[in-house]
PDB file of N, CA and C in Angstrom:
ATOM      1  N   MET A   1       7.164 -16.657 -14.187  1.00  0.00           N
ATOM      2  CA  MET A   1       6.485 -16.628 -13.473  1.00  0.00           C
ATOM      3  C   MET A   1       6.031 -15.219 -12.441  1.00  0.00           C
ATOM      4  N   LEU A   2       5.078 -15.229 -12.120  1.00  0.00           N
ATOM      5  CA  LEU A   2       4.432 -14.209 -11.936  1.00  0.00           C
ATOM      6  C   LEU A   2       4.619 -14.553 -10.252  1.00  0.00           C
ATOM      7  N   ILE A   3       4.989 -13.627  -9.297  1.00  0.00           N
ATOM      8  CA  ILE A   3       4.805 -13.161  -7.613  1.00  0.00           C
ATOM      9  C   ILE A   3       4.281 -12.543  -7.180  1.00  0.00           C
ATOM     10  N   ASN A   4       3.353 -12.738  -6.901  1.00  0.00           N
ATOM     11  CA  ASN A   4       2.332 -12.123  -5.689  1.00  0.00           C
ATOM     12  C   ASN A   4       3.320 -11.007  -4.765  1.00  0.00           C
ATOM     13  N   LYS A   5       3.154 -10.064  -5.115  1.00  0.00           N
ATOM     14  CA  LYS A   5       3.542  -8.513  -4.483  1.00  0.00           C
ATOM     15  C   LYS A   5       2.752  -7.687  -3.778  1.00  0.00           C
ATOM     16  N   PRO A   6       3.027  -7.575  -2.478  1.00  0.00           N
ATOM     17  CA  PRO A   6       1.656  -7.035  -1.404  1.00  0.00           C
ATOM     18  C   PRO A   6       2.092  -5.252  -2.142  1.00  0.00           C
ATOM     19  N   ASN A   7       0.652  -5.079  -1.415  1.00  0.00           N
ATOM     20  CA  ASN A   7       0.241  -3.100  -2.247  1.00  0.00           C
ATOM     21  C   ASN A   7       0.665  -3.067  -0.874  1.00  0.00           C
ATOM     22  N   ILE A   8       1.507  -1.371  -0.834  1.00  0.00           N
ATOM     23  CA  ILE A   8       1.527  -1.257   0.162  1.00  0.00           C
ATOM     24  C   ILE A   8       1.449   0.278   0.380  1.00  0.00           C
ATOM     25  N   VAL A   9       0.509   0.783   1.430  1.00  0.00           N
ATOM     26  CA  VAL A   9       0.334   2.058   1.254  1.00  0.00           C
ATOM     27  C   VAL A   9       0.059   2.890   2.181  1.00  0.00           C
ATOM     28  N   ILE A  10       1.240   4.007   2.545  1.00  0.00           N
ATOM     29  CA  ILE A  10       1.426   4.626   3.954  1.00  0.00           C
ATOM     30  C   ILE A  10       0.863   5.800   4.095  1.00  0.00           C
ATOM     31  N   LEU A  11       0.082   6.091   4.313  1.00  0.00           N
ATOM     32  CA  LEU A  11      -0.580   7.714   5.155  1.00  0.00           C
ATOM     33  C   LEU A  11       0.222   8.431   6.077  1.00  0.00           C
ATOM     34  N   MET A  12       0.606   9.295   5.381  1.00  0.00           N
ATOM     35  CA  MET A  12       1.179  10.364   5.940  1.00  0.00           C
ATOM     36  C   MET A  12       0.528  11.522   6.075  1.00  0.00           C
ATOM     37  N   ALA A  13       0.382  12.150   7.255  1.00  0.00           N
ATOM     38  CA  ALA A  13      -0.671  13.807   7.382  1.00  0.00           C
ATOM     39  C   ALA A  13       0.149  14.980   8.037  1.00  0.00           C
ATOM     40  N   ASP A  14       0.421  15.539   8.009  1.00  0.00           N
ATOM     41  CA  ASP A  14       0.452  16.610   9.094  1.00  0.00           C
ATOM     42  C   ASP A  14      -0.371  16.879  10.236  1.00  0.00           C
ATOM     43  N   GLN A  15      -0.104  17.103  11.242  1.00  0.00           N
ATOM     44  CA  GLN A  15      -0.822  17.160  12.311  1.00  0.00           C
ATOM     45  C   GLN A  15      -2.093  16.119  12.353  1.00  0.00           C
ATOM     46  N   LEU A  16      -2.137  14.791  12.107  1.00  0.00           N
ATOM     47  CA  LEU A  16      -2.827  13.812  12.182  1.00  0.00           C
ATOM     48  C   LEU A  16      -2.588  12.784  13.124  1.00  0.00           C
ATOM     49  N   THR A  17      -3.072  12.688  14.493  1.00  0.00           N
ATOM     50  CA  THR A  17      -3.080  11.620  15.702  1.00  0.00           C
ATOM     51  C   THR A  17      -3.751  10.443  15.512  1.00  0.00           C
ATOM     52  N   ALA A  18      -3.538   9.253  15.697  1.00  0.00           N
ATOM     53  CA  ALA A  18      -3.878   8.202  15.572  1.00  0.00           C
ATOM     54  C   ALA A  18      -5.656   8.268  16.303  1.00  0.00           C
ATOM     55  N   SER A  19      -5.901   9.252  17.644  1.00  0.00           N
ATOM     56  CA  SER A  19      -6.670   9.136  18.375  1.00  0.00           C
ATOM     57  C   SER A  19      -7.737  10.354  17.698  1.00  0.00           C
ATOM     58  N   ALA A  20      -7.657  10.405  16.264  1.00  0.00           N
ATOM     59  CA  ALA A  20      -8.465  11.245  15.500  1.00  0.00           C
ATOM     60  C   ALA A  20      -9.539  10.228  15.094  1.00  0.00           C
ATOM     61  N   LEU A  21      -8.426   9.151  14.316  1.00  0.00           N
ATOM     62  CA  LEU A  21      -9.209   8.316  13.136  1.00  0.00           C
ATOM     63  C   LEU A  21     -10.224   7.452  14.032  1.00  0.00           C
ATOM     64  N   ARG A  22     -11.195   6.825  13.435  1.00  0.00           N
ATOM     65  CA  ARG A  22     -12.687   5.941  14.312  1.00  0.00           C
ATOM     66  C   ARG A  22     -11.828   4.111  13.593  1.00  0.00           C
ATOM     67  N   ALA A  23     -11.132   4.303  12.854  1.00  0.00           N
ATOM     68  CA  ALA A  23     -10.088   2.650  13.340  1.00  0.00           C
ATOM     69  C   ALA A  23      -9.235   3.130  14.659  1.00  0.00           C
ATOM     70  N   TYR A  24      -8.811   3.663  15.137  1.00  0.00           N
ATOM     71  CA  TYR A  24      -8.715   3.439  16.552  1.00  0.00           C
ATOM     72  C   TYR A  24      -9.490   4.271  17.313  1.00  0.00           C
ATOM     73  N   GLY A  25     -10.805   4.680  17.343  1.00  0.00           N
ATOM     74  CA  GLY A  25     -11.234   4.285  18.525  1.00  0.00           C
ATOM     75  C   GLY A  25     -12.362   5.871  18.452  1.00  0.00           C
ATOM     76  N   ASN A  26     -12.065   6.713  17.839  1.00  0.00           N
ATOM     77  CA  ASN A  26     -12.335   7.714  17.843  1.00  0.00           C
ATOM     78  C   ASN A  26     -14.617   7.323  17.190  1.00  0.00           C
ATOM     79  N   ASN A  27     -15.418   8.052  17.764  1.00  0.00           N
ATOM     80  CA  ASN A  27     -16.295   7.905  17.899  1.00  0.00           C
ATOM     81  C   ASN A  27     -17.039   9.354  16.883  1.00  0.00           C
ATOM     82  N   VAL A  28     -16.754  10.710  16.770  1.00  0.00           N
ATOM     83  CA  VAL A  28     -16.760  12.093  16.180  1.00  0.00           C
ATOM     84  C   VAL A  28     -16.631  11.540  14.742  1.00  0.00           C
ATOM     85  N   SER A  29     -15.217  11.594  14.612  1.00  0.00           N
ATOM     86  CA  SER A  29     -14.661  11.912  12.962  1.00  0.00           C
ATOM     87  C   SER A  29     -15.213  10.634  11.996  1.00  0.00           C
ATOM     88  N   LEU A  30     -15.582  11.018  11.029  1.00  0.00           N
ATOM     89  CA  LEU A  30     -15.883  10.080   9.872  1.00  0.00           C
ATOM     90  C   LEU A  30     -14.760  10.186   8.700  1.00  0.00           C
ATOM     91  N   THR A  31     -14.225   8.678   8.978  1.00  0.00           N
ATOM     92  CA  THR A  31     -13.246   8.289   7.791  1.00  0.00           C
ATOM     93  C   THR A  31     -13.360   7.303   7.684  1.00  0.00           C
ATOM     94  N   PRO A  32     -14.175   6.843   6.469  1.00  0.00           N
ATOM     95  CA  PRO A  32     -14.411   5.457   6.085  1.00  0.00           C
ATOM     96  C   PRO A  32     -13.794   4.989   5.131  1.00  0.00           C
ATOM     97  N   ASN A  33     -12.962   5.257   4.977  1.00  0.00           N
ATOM     98  CA  ASN A  33     -11.847   4.945   3.442  1.00  0.00           C
ATOM     99  C   ASN A  33     -10.806   4.181   4.156  1.00  0.00           C
ATOM    100  N   ILE A  34      -9.967   4.797   5.426  1.00  0.00           N
ATOM    101  CA  ILE A  34      -9.031   5.015   6.073  1.00  0.00           C
ATOM    102  C   ILE A  34      -9.294   3.998   6.966  1.00  0.00           C
ATOM    103  N   ASP A  35     -11.304   4.002   7.764  1.00  0.00           N
ATOM    104  CA  ASP A  35     -11.170   2.536   8.228  1.00  0.00           C
ATOM    105  C   ASP A  35     -11.519   1.284   7.759  1.00  0.00           C
ATOM    106  N   LYS A  36     -12.015   1.075   6.490  1.00  0.00           N
ATOM    107  CA  LYS A  36     -11.578   0.272   5.730  1.00  0.00           C
ATOM    108  C   LYS A  36     -10.304  -0.309   5.271  1.00  0.00           C
ATOM    109  N   LEU A  37      -9.698   0.497   5.132  1.00  0.00           N
ATOM    110  CA  LEU A  37      -8.118   0.266   4.669  1.00  0.00           C
ATOM    111  C   LEU A  37      -7.706  -0.435   5.728  1.00  0.00           C
ATOM    112  N   ALA A  38      -7.863   0.413   6.986  1.00  0.00           N
ATOM    113  CA  ALA A  38      -7.753  -0.344   8.794  1.00  0.00           C
ATOM    114  C   ALA A  38      -8.159  -1.873   8.592  1.00  0.00           C
ATOM    115  N   ARG A  39      -9.321  -2.410   8.651  1.00  0.00           N
ATOM    116  CA  ARG A  39     -10.063  -3.323   8.492  1.00  0.00           C
ATOM    117  C   ARG A  39      -9.781  -4.472   7.524  1.00  0.00           C
ATOM    118  N   GLU A  40      -9.731  -3.966   6.014  1.00  0.00           N
ATOM    119  CA  GLU A  40      -8.746  -5.058   5.422  1.00  0.00           C
ATOM    120  C   GLU A  40      -7.245  -5.298   5.528  1.00  0.00           C
ATOM    121  N   GLY A  41      -6.456  -4.645   6.286  1.00  0.00           N
ATOM    122  CA  GLY A  41      -5.301  -4.860   6.204  1.00  0.00           C
ATOM    123  C   GLY A  41      -4.754  -4.692   6.971  1.00  0.00           C
ATOM    124  N   VAL A  42      -3.248  -3.925   7.142  1.00  0.00           N
ATOM    125  CA  VAL A  42      -2.333  -4.227   8.379  1.00  0.00           C
ATOM    126  C   VAL A  42      -2.502  -2.400   9.120  1.00  0.00           C
ATOM    127  N   VAL A  43      -2.256  -2.412  10.233  1.00  0.00           N
ATOM    128  CA  VAL A  43      -1.905  -0.821  11.320  1.00  0.00           C
ATOM    129  C   VAL A  43      -0.883  -1.507  12.225  1.00  0.00           C
ATOM    130  N   PHE A  44      -0.123  -0.184  12.418  1.00  0.00           N
ATOM    131  CA  PHE A  44       0.339  -0.207  13.244  1.00  0.00           C
ATOM    132  C   PHE A  44      -0.147   0.291  15.072  1.00  0.00           C
ATOM    133  N   ASP A  45       0.066  -0.290  15.485  1.00  0.00           N
ATOM    134  CA  ASP A  45      -0.859  -0.019  16.952  1.00  0.00           C
ATOM    135  C   ASP A  45       0.179   1.353  17.397  1.00  0.00           C
ATOM    136  N   SER A  46       1.607   1.155  17.195  1.00  0.00           N
ATOM    137  CA  SER A  46       2.812   2.013  17.529  1.00  0.00           C
ATOM    138  C   SER A  46       3.229   2.004  16.755  1.00  0.00           C
ATOM    139  N   ALA A  47       4.580   3.078  16.882  1.00  0.00           N
ATOM    140  CA  ALA A  47       5.220   3.978  15.618  1.00  0.00           C
ATOM    141  C   ALA A  47       5.675   5.287  16.404  1.00  0.00           C
ATOM    142  N   TYR A  48       6.736   5.628  15.731  1.00  0.00           N
ATOM    143  CA  TYR A  48       7.486   6.724  15.935  1.00  0.00           C
ATOM    144  C   TYR A  48       8.064   7.681  15.072  1.00  0.00           C
ATOM    145  N   CYS A  49       7.934   9.073  15.404  1.00  0.00           N
ATOM    146  CA  CYS A  49       8.184   9.591  14.410  1.00  0.00           C
ATOM    147  C   CYS A  49       9.912  10.519  14.607  1.00  0.00           C
ATOM    148  N   ASN A  50      10.485  10.080  13.888  1.00  0.00           N
ATOM    149  CA  ASN A  50      12.585  10.645  13.586  1.00  0.00           C
ATOM    150  C   ASN A  50      12.528  11.485  14.239  1.00  0.00           C
ATOM    151  N   SER A  51      11.430  12.784  13.632  1.00  0.00           N
ATOM    152  CA  SER A  51      11.928  14.043  13.550  1.00  0.00           C
ATOM    153  C   SER A  51      10.192  14.919  14.112  1.00  0.00           C
ATOM    154  N   PRO A  52      10.128  16.247  14.235  1.00  0.00           N
ATOM    155  CA  PRO A  52       9.083  16.741  14.292  1.00  0.00           C
ATOM    156  C   PRO A  52       8.605  17.931  13.738  1.00  0.00           C
ATOM    157  N   LEU A  53       9.770  17.479  12.078  1.00  0.00           N
ATOM    158  CA  LEU A  53       9.477  18.907  11.438  1.00  0.00           C
ATOM    159  C   LEU A  53       9.163  17.574  10.065  1.00  0.00           C
ATOM    160  N   CYS A  54       8.258  18.017   9.436  1.00  0.00           N
ATOM    161  CA  CYS A  54       7.519  17.121   7.948  1.00  0.00           C
ATOM    162  C   CYS A  54       8.795  16.731   7.183  1.00  0.00           C
ATOM    163  N   ALA A  55       9.139  17.301   6.794  1.00  0.00           N
ATOM    164  CA  ALA A  55      10.236  17.355   5.244  1.00  0.00           C
ATOM    165  C   ALA A  55      11.160  16.319   5.986  1.00  0.00           C
ATOM    166  N   PRO A  56      12.417  16.414   7.139  1.00  0.00           N
ATOM    167  CA  PRO A  56      12.771  15.543   7.199  1.00  0.00           C
ATOM    168  C   PRO A  56      12.318  13.952   7.683  1.00  0.00           C
ATOM    169  N   SER A  57      11.247  14.104   7.847  1.00  0.00           N
ATOM    170  CA  SER A  57      10.484  12.590   8.621  1.00  0.00           C
ATOM    171  C   SER A  57      10.038  12.175   6.895  1.00  0.00           C
ATOM    172  N   ARG A  58       9.550  12.801   6.285  1.00  0.00           N
ATOM    173  CA  ARG A  58       9.519  11.523   4.603  1.00  0.00           C
ATOM    174  C   ARG A  58      10.803  11.967   4.371  1.00  0.00           C
ATOM    175  N   ALA A  59      11.545  12.314   4.260  1.00  0.00           N
ATOM    176  CA  ALA A  59      12.766  12.100   3.495  1.00  0.00           C
ATOM    177  C   ALA A  59      13.295  10.451   4.497  1.00  0.00           C
ATOM    178  N   SER A  60      13.275  10.380   5.360  1.00  0.00           N
ATOM    179  CA  SER A  60      13.811   9.066   5.750  1.00  0.00           C
ATOM    180  C   SER A  60      13.224   8.158   5.412  1.00  0.00           C
ATOM    181  N   LEU A  61      12.428   8.222   4.746  1.00  0.00           N
ATOM    182  CA  LEU A  61      11.694   7.029   4.219  1.00  0.00           C
ATOM    183  C   LEU A  61      11.776   6.527   3.058  1.00  0.00           C
ATOM    184  N   ASP A  62      13.270   7.623   2.241  1.00  0.00           N
ATOM    185  CA  ASP A  62      13.591   7.623   0.904  1.00  0.00           C
ATOM    186  C   ASP A  62      15.317   6.743   1.253  1.00  0.00           C
ATOM    187  N   ASP A  63      15.598   5.445   1.206  1.00  0.00           N
ATOM    188  CA  ASP A  63      16.860   4.600   1.997  1.00  0.00           C
ATOM    189  C   ASP A  63      17.962   5.441   1.550  1.00  0.00           C
ATOM    190  N   ARG A  64      17.764   5.976  -0.268  1.00  0.00           N
ATOM    191  CA  ARG A  64      18.280   6.002  -1.033  1.00  0.00           C
ATOM    192  C   ARG A  64      19.328   7.403  -1.030  1.00  0.00           C
ATOM    193  N   ALA A  65      18.078   8.736   0.351  1.00  0.00           N
ATOM    194  CA  ALA A  65      18.555   9.770   0.246  1.00  0.00           C
ATOM    195  C   ALA A  65      19.811  10.099   1.911  1.00  0.00           C
ATOM    196  N   VAL A  66      20.577  10.467   1.541  1.00  0.00           N
ATOM    197  CA  VAL A  66      21.301  11.547   3.027  1.00  0.00           C
ATOM    198  C   VAL A  66      21.237  12.826   2.920  1.00  0.00           C
ATOM    199  N   TYR A  67      21.088  12.495   4.243  1.00  0.00           N
ATOM    200  CA  TYR A  67      20.980  14.211   4.833  1.00  0.00           C
ATOM    201  C   TYR A  67      21.739  14.106   5.982  1.00  0.00           C
ATOM    202  N   PHE A  68      22.102  15.281   6.266  1.00  0.00           N
ATOM    203  CA  PHE A  68      23.357  16.389   7.382  1.00  0.00           C
ATOM    204  C   PHE A  68      22.762  17.494   7.772  1.00  0.00           C
ATOM    205  N   PRO A  69      22.686  17.202   9.416  1.00  0.00           N
ATOM    206  CA  PRO A  69      22.295  18.676   9.925  1.00  0.00           C
ATOM    207  C   PRO A  69      22.664  19.715   9.821  1.00  0.00           C
TER     208      PRO A  69
END
């Protein structure tokens, strides 16, 4: 039996804020592919980062990883 699994795309970029994207109301930047993903999918209106550094933030997405300070 085939089960339809959702396609999940997580975009992570250093120093990118939602206010810089057209999908969130910026009329200056040109982000057609991100805009299309936002129109046809689900977007977060509110999200929080667990760390101000990129490596720990990315590592936190991997539930198999355990990191100690």
